[in-house]
Every structure is written in C-alpha cells, then in structure tokens.
Protein backbone atom coordinates (compact mmCIF):
# COMPACT_ATOMS: atom_id res chain seq x y z
CA MET A 1 -20.02 11.65 -35.04
CA LYS A 2 -22.66 14.48 -34.49
CA ARG A 3 -22.18 16.37 -31.24
CA LEU A 4 -25.16 16.16 -28.78
CA THR A 5 -27.01 19.48 -28.26
CA LYS A 6 -27.57 20.93 -24.78
CA GLY A 7 -31.18 19.95 -25.06
CA GLN A 8 -30.35 16.35 -25.89
CA ILE A 9 -27.83 16.27 -22.99
CA ALA A 10 -30.52 17.47 -20.67
CA LEU A 11 -33.03 14.88 -21.87
CA ILE A 12 -30.57 12.10 -21.39
CA THR A 13 -29.65 13.22 -17.95
CA ILE A 14 -33.27 13.37 -16.97
CA ALA A 15 -34.11 10.00 -18.42
CA LEU A 16 -31.16 8.22 -16.77
CA VAL A 17 -31.77 9.71 -13.39
CA LEU A 18 -35.50 8.83 -13.57
CA ILE A 19 -34.81 5.22 -14.80
CA ILE A 20 -32.26 4.55 -12.12
CA ASP A 21 -34.20 6.13 -9.39
CA GLN A 22 -37.44 4.23 -10.21
CA VAL A 23 -35.58 0.87 -10.81
CA VAL A 24 -33.91 1.06 -7.39
CA LYS A 25 -37.13 2.24 -5.63
CA ILE A 26 -39.33 -0.50 -7.14
CA TYR A 27 -36.74 -3.12 -6.36
CA VAL A 28 -36.39 -2.09 -2.76
CA LYS A 29 -40.18 -1.81 -2.27
CA THR A 30 -40.84 -5.26 -3.70
CA HIS A 31 -37.86 -7.11 -2.10
CA MET A 32 -37.56 -5.43 1.33
CA TYR A 33 -39.98 -4.88 4.19
CA ILE A 34 -40.48 -1.44 5.84
CA GLY A 35 -37.68 -0.88 8.41
CA GLU A 36 -35.38 -3.60 6.91
CA ALA A 37 -31.76 -2.61 6.71
CA ILE A 38 -28.98 -4.32 4.86
CA ARG A 39 -25.38 -3.53 5.88
CA VAL A 40 -23.05 -2.78 3.02
CA THR A 41 -20.19 -1.22 5.11
CA ASP A 42 -20.02 0.19 8.66
CA TRP A 43 -20.91 3.61 7.11
CA PHE A 44 -23.37 2.59 4.40
CA TYR A 45 -26.70 0.73 4.67
CA ILE A 46 -29.63 -0.01 2.36
CA ALA A 47 -32.49 0.92 4.73
CA PHE A 48 -36.06 0.87 3.46
CA VAL A 49 -38.22 3.70 4.78
CA GLU A 50 -41.03 5.74 3.37
CA ASN A 51 -41.96 9.33 3.97
CA ASN A 52 -44.86 11.71 3.16
CA GLY A 53 -42.60 14.76 2.87
CA MET A 54 -39.98 16.48 0.92
CA ALA A 55 -36.28 15.53 0.38
CA PHE A 56 -34.40 13.61 3.14
CA GLY A 57 -37.67 12.68 5.01
CA MET A 58 -38.74 16.25 5.84
CA GLU A 59 -42.38 16.87 6.38
CA ILE A 60 -43.73 20.40 5.70
CA GLY A 61 -47.44 21.02 5.26
CA SER A 62 -50.08 18.63 3.91
CA LYS A 63 -49.38 15.79 1.61
CA LEU A 64 -51.55 17.21 -1.22
CA PHE A 65 -49.94 20.62 -1.00
CA LEU A 66 -46.43 19.06 -1.14
CA THR A 67 -47.25 17.04 -4.27
CA LEU A 68 -48.79 20.00 -5.97
CA PHE A 69 -45.89 22.11 -5.05
CA ARG A 70 -43.53 19.68 -6.49
CA ILE A 71 -45.43 19.53 -9.77
CA VAL A 72 -45.55 23.32 -10.07
CA ALA A 73 -41.87 23.51 -9.27
CA VAL A 74 -41.00 20.95 -11.96
CA VAL A 75 -43.15 22.73 -14.58
CA PHE A 76 -41.35 25.99 -13.76
CA LEU A 77 -37.91 24.48 -14.02
CA VAL A 78 -38.69 22.77 -17.29
CA TRP A 79 -39.88 26.18 -18.62
CA ILE A 80 -36.44 27.63 -17.51
CA LEU A 81 -34.63 24.77 -19.16
CA PHE A 82 -36.35 25.32 -22.53
CA ARG A 83 -35.62 29.08 -22.25
CA VAL A 84 -31.89 28.72 -21.76
CA LYS A 85 -30.83 25.46 -23.38
CA ASN A 86 -30.12 27.07 -26.75
CA LYS A 87 -28.34 30.16 -25.49
CA PRO A 88 -24.70 30.06 -26.65
CA HIS A 89 -23.24 31.62 -23.57
CA MET A 90 -25.01 29.13 -21.20
CA PRO A 91 -22.55 26.35 -20.22
CA THR A 92 -23.40 22.65 -20.56
CA GLY A 93 -22.71 22.19 -16.91
CA PHE A 94 -25.45 24.61 -15.96
CA ILE A 95 -27.96 22.64 -18.17
CA VAL A 96 -26.92 19.39 -16.53
CA CYS A 97 -27.44 20.80 -13.06
CA LEU A 98 -30.84 22.02 -14.05
CA ALA A 99 -31.65 18.67 -15.53
CA LEU A 100 -30.58 16.86 -12.42
CA ILE A 101 -32.90 19.02 -10.17
CA ILE A 102 -35.83 18.47 -12.49
CA ALA A 103 -35.21 14.66 -12.68
CA GLY A 104 -34.82 14.41 -8.90
CA ALA A 105 -38.04 16.36 -8.28
CA ALA A 106 -40.02 14.36 -10.93
CA GLY A 107 -38.69 11.11 -9.50
CA ASN A 108 -40.27 11.92 -6.12
CA ILE A 109 -43.42 13.15 -7.77
CA ILE A 110 -43.91 9.74 -9.42
CA ASP A 111 -43.85 8.16 -6.02
CA CYS A 112 -46.41 10.54 -4.64
CA LEU A 113 -48.70 10.29 -7.67
CA PHE A 114 -48.73 6.56 -8.45
CA TYR A 115 -47.16 4.38 -5.64
CA GLY A 116 -50.28 4.60 -3.52
CA LEU A 117 -52.32 3.24 -6.49
CA LEU A 118 -49.89 0.59 -7.69
CA PHE A 119 -48.65 -1.06 -4.43
CA ASN A 120 -50.15 -2.58 -1.30
CA ASP A 121 -48.77 -1.81 2.16
CA PRO A 122 -48.35 -5.07 4.16
CA LEU A 123 -47.09 -5.31 7.60
CA PRO A 124 -43.44 -6.41 8.11
CA PRO A 125 -41.89 -8.87 7.45
CA LEU A 126 -44.06 -9.11 4.21
CA VAL A 127 -42.94 -7.02 1.27
CA ALA A 128 -45.13 -4.91 -1.04
CA SER A 129 -46.76 -6.43 -4.08
CA PHE A 130 -47.80 -4.74 -7.36
CA VAL A 131 -51.61 -4.36 -7.29
CA PRO A 132 -52.73 -1.75 -9.90
CA GLY A 133 -55.88 0.06 -8.69
CA GLU A 134 -55.93 -1.61 -5.42
CA GLY A 135 -53.11 0.04 -3.50
CA TYR A 136 -52.81 1.76 -0.13
CA ALA A 137 -53.74 5.34 -1.09
CA GLY A 138 -55.26 7.42 -3.89
CA LEU A 139 -53.70 9.63 -6.49
CA PHE A 140 -51.33 12.22 -5.06
CA PHE A 141 -51.09 10.41 -1.71
CA GLY A 142 -48.40 7.84 -2.36
CA ARG A 143 -45.34 7.74 -0.06
CA VAL A 144 -41.71 8.41 -1.25
CA VAL A 145 -39.39 5.52 -1.04
CA ASP A 146 -35.97 6.11 0.59
CA MET A 147 -33.14 3.65 1.00
CA LEU A 148 -29.66 5.23 1.12
CA TYR A 149 -28.46 5.61 4.75
CA PHE A 150 -24.86 6.81 5.57
CA PRO A 151 -24.10 6.77 9.25
CA LEU A 152 -20.56 8.21 8.73
CA PHE A 153 -19.83 8.84 12.47
CA SER A 154 -21.53 9.41 15.73
CA PHE A 155 -20.78 10.74 19.23
CA TYR A 156 -22.48 11.78 22.49
CA TRP A 157 -22.64 15.38 23.46
CA PRO A 158 -20.90 16.21 26.74
CA ASP A 159 -23.29 16.24 29.71
CA TRP A 160 -22.43 19.83 30.52
CA ILE A 161 -23.91 21.21 27.24
CA PRO A 162 -27.46 22.57 27.86
CA TRP A 163 -30.42 20.86 26.24
CA ILE A 164 -28.43 18.29 24.25
CA GLY A 165 -26.01 17.13 26.85
CA GLY A 166 -25.76 13.17 26.88
CA GLU A 167 -27.63 12.96 23.65
CA ARG A 168 -26.23 10.98 20.65
CA PHE A 169 -25.42 12.85 17.48
CA GLU A 170 -25.13 11.01 14.27
CA PHE A 171 -23.88 12.18 10.81
CA PHE A 172 -25.45 11.61 8.40
CA ARG A 173 -28.86 10.63 9.93
CA PRO A 174 -31.47 11.15 7.04
CA VAL A 175 -32.28 8.26 4.74
CA PHE A 176 -32.70 9.51 1.18
CA ASN A 177 -32.89 8.15 -2.51
CA ILE A 178 -31.37 8.65 -5.94
CA ALA A 179 -33.91 11.50 -6.67
CA ASP A 180 -32.78 13.41 -3.52
CA SER A 181 -29.16 12.93 -4.41
CA ALA A 182 -29.73 14.34 -7.93
CA ILE A 183 -31.51 17.44 -6.48
CA SER A 184 -28.64 17.98 -3.98
CA VAL A 185 -25.82 17.53 -6.53
CA GLY A 186 -27.59 19.89 -9.00
CA VAL A 187 -28.26 22.54 -6.39
CA VAL A 188 -24.86 22.49 -4.79
CA CYS A 189 -22.99 22.45 -8.19
CA MET A 190 -25.22 25.28 -9.51
CA ILE A 191 -24.50 27.42 -6.41
CA LEU A 192 -20.73 26.82 -6.39
CA PHE A 193 -19.98 26.96 -10.07
CA TYR A 194 -22.83 28.61 -11.91
CA HIS A 195 -24.38 31.17 -9.55
CA ARG A 196 -23.34 34.05 -11.85
CA TYR A 197 -25.58 32.62 -14.58
CA LEU A 198 -28.54 32.51 -12.26
CA SER A 199 -28.16 36.22 -11.47
CA THR A 200 -27.62 37.13 -15.08
CA GLU A 201 -30.84 35.34 -16.12
CA SER A 202 -32.69 37.02 -13.34
CA LYS A 203 -31.53 40.49 -14.47
CA LYS A 204 -32.48 39.70 -18.02
CA THR A 205 -35.95 38.55 -16.99
CA ASP A 206 -36.47 41.82 -14.98
CA THR A 207 -35.36 44.03 -17.89
CA SER A 208 -37.60 42.24 -20.32
CA LYS A 209 -40.77 42.99 -18.39
C-alpha cells in the first residue's frame, strides 16, 4: 500500500476537521434554540450559544475586521504549509499541527461568511431554519456557533480577597466548538513539541531575503 505524503495527510486532516465541525454546528443550530443546554455529565454540556468574536467567545474589534483577519491568517498559514510540506526534515506531526490550525480557522470563517445568509434567527424556543438568501445577516456578518461547555469545577473566592471576594469562579467557563479545539490542539502541540522547527523556518526566511 502506497504511503500517504505529508501533503495528503494535511489535506485529509483539514477535510475531516471541517466536515465534523460543520456537521456538528449545523445540527446544533437546526435542532437547538439559543441558550438551550443539554446535560451529558455534571462536567460536560452541549450548550448552544453564538458569538461575533474570535475563539472561545472573545470579541476584539469589529466583526468585519475579525472575519477579514481570519481569512488573511488562513491564506498565510496555507502558504506556509505548501512551503514546508515537502521538506524531508519537517516532521509529519508539525504538518498535522499546522493543518489543525488552518482547519479550525477555516471552520469559523465559514460561519462568519455564510451562516448569516443561510439561516434565520428565530426567538427561543424556536430553532433556526435553512433559508438561503433570506438569513439574519449579510456576507461576512454571520455568527460563530459554539456548543461545547465543560464546567469542570467551581468555587467562591474568600470574602477577604480584594475586588473578587465572594464571587464565583468556574473552570472552564467559555463555550467553544470543534474548530476552536482544533486550533488549540494545533497551537499547544506545536509549541510543546515542534517550536524548534518554527525558529528554524524563521531563520531560513530571514537569510533568504
């Protein structure tokens, strides 16, 4: 059996992440209403929320800027992938990490670009319907669908602590999606196991100028 090339592994990784991410998002969006939460265990819920911002519900800058920034970032990462995928010294794990980051970013870009055009936005307890061209927002202004919620533990800060005393702390509070997970796994693994390859590529780029 012919061995897969690094480029083929990257394409398969990207395709799998995108398919799983979009299937889960579309199912949640068309079967749950905003704010609905389904308990799986005490520490894991499927909780349907949407956000205008970046990973894990953060909001930085305008919606259009964020979407354009994501697109530019993905194009840049794809360029890096094509640049390094055939280098013999580049480990397959590094390529997979890069593919995970690209797929995760692209998955959220799809939401921003098309969900506003393709889905309506009914009030709870109604769920969204597929209405091509008659959606809740224009191109670039769709909202990202999140659903993975892991409230692993919580506690109240002691009253004597300034500013936060008596307030409830919960870990992990953000609700995220498959695409966010792919980005996080790719970035963390790249930093932990492949950071030397990042610095090597950076030096080669500087000397080639």
